[in-house]
Amino acid sequence: MFLKMEYGVYFFFASLMLLSIPFVFFLLPETKSLNLESMDRLFEVKPVWRANEIVMKELQEQEEAFRREVDGADLTVEKPKNSQSDSV
């Protein structure tokens, strides 16, 4: 290829890189700040260029719901009545 095309090889690879820009933008979602368990959901969401934003909002809502549930639950732990550590 290098012998036949000479400097045309540069244009060949440059055109591949230019074609990769729309491919990456439209078909590959951003995986930044997402855990491994969220990847399946990330690749299901359309449009792809907004998938990260949508999944991050879903995760934040789930986290807030969990915190409200935990805050609303009675988490007090009773001490055992016959504890030996109290008598020491």
N, C-alpha and C. Protein backbone atom coordinates (compact mmCIF):
# COMPACT_ATOMS: atom_id res chain seq x y z
N MET A 1 0.83 -1.19 0.00
CA MET A 1 0.00 0.00 0.00
C MET A 1 0.87 1.25 0.00
N PHE A 2 1.91 1.25 0.83
CA PHE A 2 2.79 2.41 0.88
C PHE A 2 3.54 2.61 -0.43
N LEU A 3 3.90 1.51 -1.08
CA LEU A 3 4.65 1.63 -2.34
C LEU A 3 3.75 2.12 -3.47
N LYS A 4 2.52 1.69 -3.49
CA LYS A 4 1.61 2.08 -4.58
C LYS A 4 1.05 3.49 -4.39
N MET A 5 0.63 3.82 -3.16
CA MET A 5 -0.09 5.07 -2.94
C MET A 5 0.82 6.23 -2.56
N GLU A 6 2.00 5.96 -2.06
CA GLU A 6 2.95 6.96 -1.59
C GLU A 6 2.29 7.91 -0.59
N TYR A 7 2.16 9.18 -0.89
CA TYR A 7 1.57 10.13 0.07
C TYR A 7 0.06 9.98 0.16
N GLY A 8 -0.56 9.22 -0.71
CA GLY A 8 -2.00 8.97 -0.66
C GLY A 8 -2.41 8.16 0.57
N VAL A 9 -1.45 7.45 1.16
CA VAL A 9 -1.72 6.70 2.38
C VAL A 9 -2.14 7.66 3.48
N TYR A 10 -1.50 8.81 3.55
CA TYR A 10 -1.84 9.82 4.55
C TYR A 10 -3.31 10.24 4.36
N PHE A 11 -3.73 10.51 3.14
CA PHE A 11 -5.10 10.91 2.88
C PHE A 11 -6.10 9.79 3.20
N PHE A 12 -5.69 8.56 2.94
CA PHE A 12 -6.53 7.41 3.24
C PHE A 12 -6.83 7.34 4.74
N PHE A 13 -5.77 7.39 5.56
CA PHE A 13 -5.97 7.30 7.00
C PHE A 13 -6.61 8.56 7.57
N ALA A 14 -6.34 9.70 6.99
CA ALA A 14 -6.98 10.94 7.43
C ALA A 14 -8.49 10.87 7.17
N SER A 15 -8.88 10.33 6.02
CA SER A 15 -10.31 10.22 5.72
C SER A 15 -10.99 9.23 6.67
N LEU A 16 -10.30 8.16 7.06
CA LEU A 16 -10.86 7.23 8.04
C LEU A 16 -11.08 7.93 9.38
N MET A 17 -10.15 8.77 9.77
CA MET A 17 -10.30 9.49 11.04
C MET A 17 -11.46 10.49 10.96
N LEU A 18 -11.64 11.14 9.85
CA LEU A 18 -12.75 12.07 9.69
C LEU A 18 -14.10 11.34 9.70
N LEU A 19 -14.13 10.16 9.11
CA LEU A 19 -15.36 9.37 9.13
C LEU A 19 -15.66 8.81 10.52
N SER A 20 -14.64 8.67 11.34
CA SER A 20 -14.87 8.13 12.69
C SER A 20 -15.55 9.15 13.60
N ILE A 21 -15.45 10.44 13.31
CA ILE A 21 -16.05 11.47 14.16
C ILE A 21 -17.57 11.30 14.26
N PRO A 22 -18.31 11.23 13.15
CA PRO A 22 -19.76 11.02 13.30
C PRO A 22 -20.10 9.66 13.89
N PHE A 23 -19.30 8.65 13.59
CA PHE A 23 -19.54 7.32 14.15
C PHE A 23 -19.48 7.37 15.67
N VAL A 24 -18.43 7.96 16.20
CA VAL A 24 -18.26 8.03 17.65
C VAL A 24 -19.35 8.90 18.27
N PHE A 25 -19.66 10.03 17.67
CA PHE A 25 -20.65 10.94 18.23
C PHE A 25 -22.05 10.35 18.24
N PHE A 26 -22.46 9.73 17.16
CA PHE A 26 -23.83 9.26 17.04
C PHE A 26 -24.07 7.82 17.51
N LEU A 27 -23.04 7.00 17.60
CA LEU A 27 -23.26 5.59 17.90
C LEU A 27 -22.62 5.08 19.19
N LEU A 28 -21.74 5.85 19.81
CA LEU A 28 -21.08 5.40 21.03
C LEU A 28 -21.41 6.35 22.18
N PRO A 29 -22.07 5.87 23.21
CA PRO A 29 -22.42 6.75 24.34
C PRO A 29 -21.21 7.02 25.24
N GLU A 30 -21.25 8.13 25.94
CA GLU A 30 -20.22 8.49 26.91
C GLU A 30 -20.37 7.62 28.14
N THR A 31 -19.29 7.02 28.60
CA THR A 31 -19.34 6.13 29.76
C THR A 31 -18.77 6.78 31.02
N LYS A 32 -18.45 8.04 30.95
CA LYS A 32 -17.84 8.75 32.08
C LYS A 32 -18.77 8.74 33.29
N SER A 33 -18.21 8.48 34.46
CA SER A 33 -18.88 8.53 35.76
C SER A 33 -19.94 7.47 35.97
N LEU A 34 -20.00 6.47 35.14
CA LEU A 34 -21.00 5.41 35.31
C LEU A 34 -20.33 4.12 35.77
N ASN A 35 -21.01 3.42 36.67
CA ASN A 35 -20.47 2.15 37.13
C ASN A 35 -20.80 1.05 36.12
N LEU A 36 -20.19 -0.07 36.32
CA LEU A 36 -20.33 -1.19 35.39
C LEU A 36 -21.77 -1.69 35.31
N GLU A 37 -22.50 -1.63 36.41
CA GLU A 37 -23.87 -2.11 36.44
C GLU A 37 -24.80 -1.25 35.59
N SER A 38 -24.43 -0.02 35.30
CA SER A 38 -25.26 0.90 34.53
C SER A 38 -25.00 0.84 33.02
N MET A 39 -24.01 0.09 32.61
CA MET A 39 -23.63 0.07 31.19
C MET A 39 -24.73 -0.51 30.30
N ASP A 40 -25.40 -1.55 30.76
CA ASP A 40 -26.48 -2.13 29.94
C ASP A 40 -27.56 -1.09 29.66
N ARG A 41 -27.94 -0.38 30.71
CA ARG A 41 -28.97 0.67 30.55
C ARG A 41 -28.46 1.77 29.64
N LEU A 42 -27.19 2.11 29.74
CA LEU A 42 -26.61 3.18 28.94
C LEU A 42 -26.73 2.88 27.44
N PHE A 43 -26.50 1.65 27.05
CA PHE A 43 -26.54 1.30 25.63
C PHE A 43 -27.97 1.08 25.13
N GLU A 44 -28.96 1.06 26.04
CA GLU A 44 -30.36 0.93 25.62
C GLU A 44 -30.99 2.28 25.32
N VAL A 45 -30.48 3.35 25.91
CA VAL A 45 -31.10 4.67 25.82
C VAL A 45 -30.81 5.30 24.45
N LYS A 46 -31.82 5.89 23.88
CA LYS A 46 -31.69 6.63 22.63
C LYS A 46 -32.19 8.04 22.87
N PRO A 47 -31.68 9.06 22.32
CA PRO A 47 -30.53 9.16 21.43
C PRO A 47 -29.23 8.95 22.20
N VAL A 48 -28.27 8.39 21.52
CA VAL A 48 -27.01 8.00 22.15
C VAL A 48 -26.25 9.20 22.70
N TRP A 49 -26.28 10.31 22.02
CA TRP A 49 -25.47 11.45 22.46
C TRP A 49 -25.99 12.07 23.75
N ARG A 50 -27.20 11.68 24.20
CA ARG A 50 -27.74 12.17 25.47
C ARG A 50 -27.88 11.03 26.50
N ALA A 51 -27.43 9.84 26.16
CA ALA A 51 -27.64 8.66 27.01
C ALA A 51 -26.97 8.83 28.37
N ASN A 52 -25.76 9.34 28.42
CA ASN A 52 -25.07 9.52 29.68
C ASN A 52 -25.86 10.43 30.61
N GLU A 53 -26.34 11.53 30.08
CA GLU A 53 -27.11 12.50 30.86
C GLU A 53 -28.39 11.85 31.41
N ILE A 54 -29.08 11.09 30.59
CA ILE A 54 -30.34 10.45 31.00
C ILE A 54 -30.09 9.41 32.08
N VAL A 55 -29.09 8.57 31.90
CA VAL A 55 -28.79 7.52 32.87
C VAL A 55 -28.29 8.13 34.18
N MET A 56 -27.49 9.18 34.12
CA MET A 56 -27.02 9.84 35.34
C MET A 56 -28.20 10.41 36.14
N LYS A 57 -29.18 11.00 35.45
CA LYS A 57 -30.37 11.52 36.15
C LYS A 57 -31.14 10.38 36.80
N GLU A 58 -31.29 9.26 36.11
CA GLU A 58 -31.99 8.11 36.67
C GLU A 58 -31.28 7.60 37.93
N LEU A 59 -29.95 7.53 37.87
CA LEU A 59 -29.19 7.06 39.02
C LEU A 59 -29.30 8.02 40.20
N GLN A 60 -29.29 9.31 39.92
CA GLN A 60 -29.44 10.30 40.99
C GLN A 60 -30.83 10.20 41.63
N GLU A 61 -31.86 10.00 40.81
CA GLU A 61 -33.21 9.85 41.35
C GLU A 61 -33.33 8.60 42.21
N GLN A 62 -32.70 7.51 41.77
CA GLN A 62 -32.71 6.28 42.56
C GLN A 62 -31.99 6.48 43.89
N GLU A 63 -30.87 7.19 43.84
CA GLU A 63 -30.10 7.45 45.05
C GLU A 63 -30.90 8.32 46.02
N GLU A 64 -31.57 9.35 45.51
CA GLU A 64 -32.39 10.21 46.35
C GLU A 64 -33.56 9.44 46.97
N ALA A 65 -34.19 8.57 46.19
CA ALA A 65 -35.29 7.76 46.70
C ALA A 65 -34.78 6.82 47.80
N PHE A 66 -33.61 6.24 47.60
CA PHE A 66 -33.02 5.37 48.61
C PHE A 66 -32.72 6.14 49.88
N ARG A 67 -32.18 7.35 49.75
CA ARG A 67 -31.86 8.16 50.93
C ARG A 67 -33.13 8.55 51.68
N ARG A 68 -34.19 8.90 50.94
CA ARG A 68 -35.45 9.23 51.60
C ARG A 68 -36.00 8.01 52.35
N GLU A 69 -35.86 6.84 51.73
CA GLU A 69 -36.33 5.61 52.36
C GLU A 69 -35.54 5.31 53.63
N VAL A 70 -34.23 5.49 53.56
CA VAL A 70 -33.38 5.23 54.72
C VAL A 70 -33.64 6.27 55.80
N ASP A 71 -33.80 7.52 55.44
CA ASP A 71 -34.07 8.57 56.42
C ASP A 71 -35.42 8.36 57.10
N GLY A 72 -36.38 7.84 56.37
CA GLY A 72 -37.71 7.62 56.93
C GLY A 72 -37.79 6.37 57.79
N ALA A 73 -36.88 5.44 57.60
CA ALA A 73 -36.90 4.19 58.36
C ALA A 73 -36.34 4.42 59.75
N ASP A 74 -36.81 3.64 60.70
CA ASP A 74 -36.32 3.72 62.07
C ASP A 74 -35.07 2.86 62.17
N LEU A 75 -33.91 3.49 62.26
CA LEU A 75 -32.65 2.76 62.25
C LEU A 75 -32.00 2.69 63.63
N THR A 76 -32.74 2.97 64.68
CA THR A 76 -32.16 2.92 66.02
C THR A 76 -31.90 1.47 66.40
N VAL A 77 -30.76 1.26 67.01
CA VAL A 77 -30.36 -0.08 67.43
C VAL A 77 -30.42 -0.11 68.96
N GLU A 78 -31.14 -1.07 69.49
CA GLU A 78 -31.25 -1.20 70.94
C GLU A 78 -30.02 -1.90 71.49
N LYS A 79 -29.61 -1.43 72.67
CA LYS A 79 -28.49 -2.08 73.35
C LYS A 79 -28.98 -3.36 74.01
N PRO A 80 -28.16 -4.38 74.03
CA PRO A 80 -28.54 -5.58 74.77
C PRO A 80 -28.61 -5.26 76.27
N LYS A 81 -29.58 -5.83 76.97
CA LYS A 81 -29.79 -5.51 78.38
C LYS A 81 -28.73 -6.11 79.27
N ASN A 82 -28.26 -7.27 78.96
CA ASN A 82 -27.26 -7.95 79.80
C ASN A 82 -25.88 -7.85 79.17
N SER A 83 -25.43 -6.69 78.86
CA SER A 83 -24.15 -6.51 78.22
C SER A 83 -23.04 -6.51 79.28
N GLN A 84 -22.01 -7.28 79.08
CA GLN A 84 -20.90 -7.32 80.02
C GLN A 84 -20.02 -6.09 79.91
N SER A 85 -20.02 -5.43 78.76
CA SER A 85 -19.18 -4.25 78.60
C SER A 85 -19.66 -3.10 79.45
N ASP A 86 -20.96 -3.07 79.83
CA ASP A 86 -21.48 -2.00 80.67
C ASP A 86 -21.00 -2.15 82.12
N SER A 87 -20.80 -3.36 82.55
CA SER A 87 -20.43 -3.58 83.93
C SER A 87 -18.93 -3.38 84.18
N VAL A 88 -18.13 -3.27 83.18
CA VAL A 88 -16.68 -3.13 83.34
C VAL A 88 -16.28 -1.74 83.60
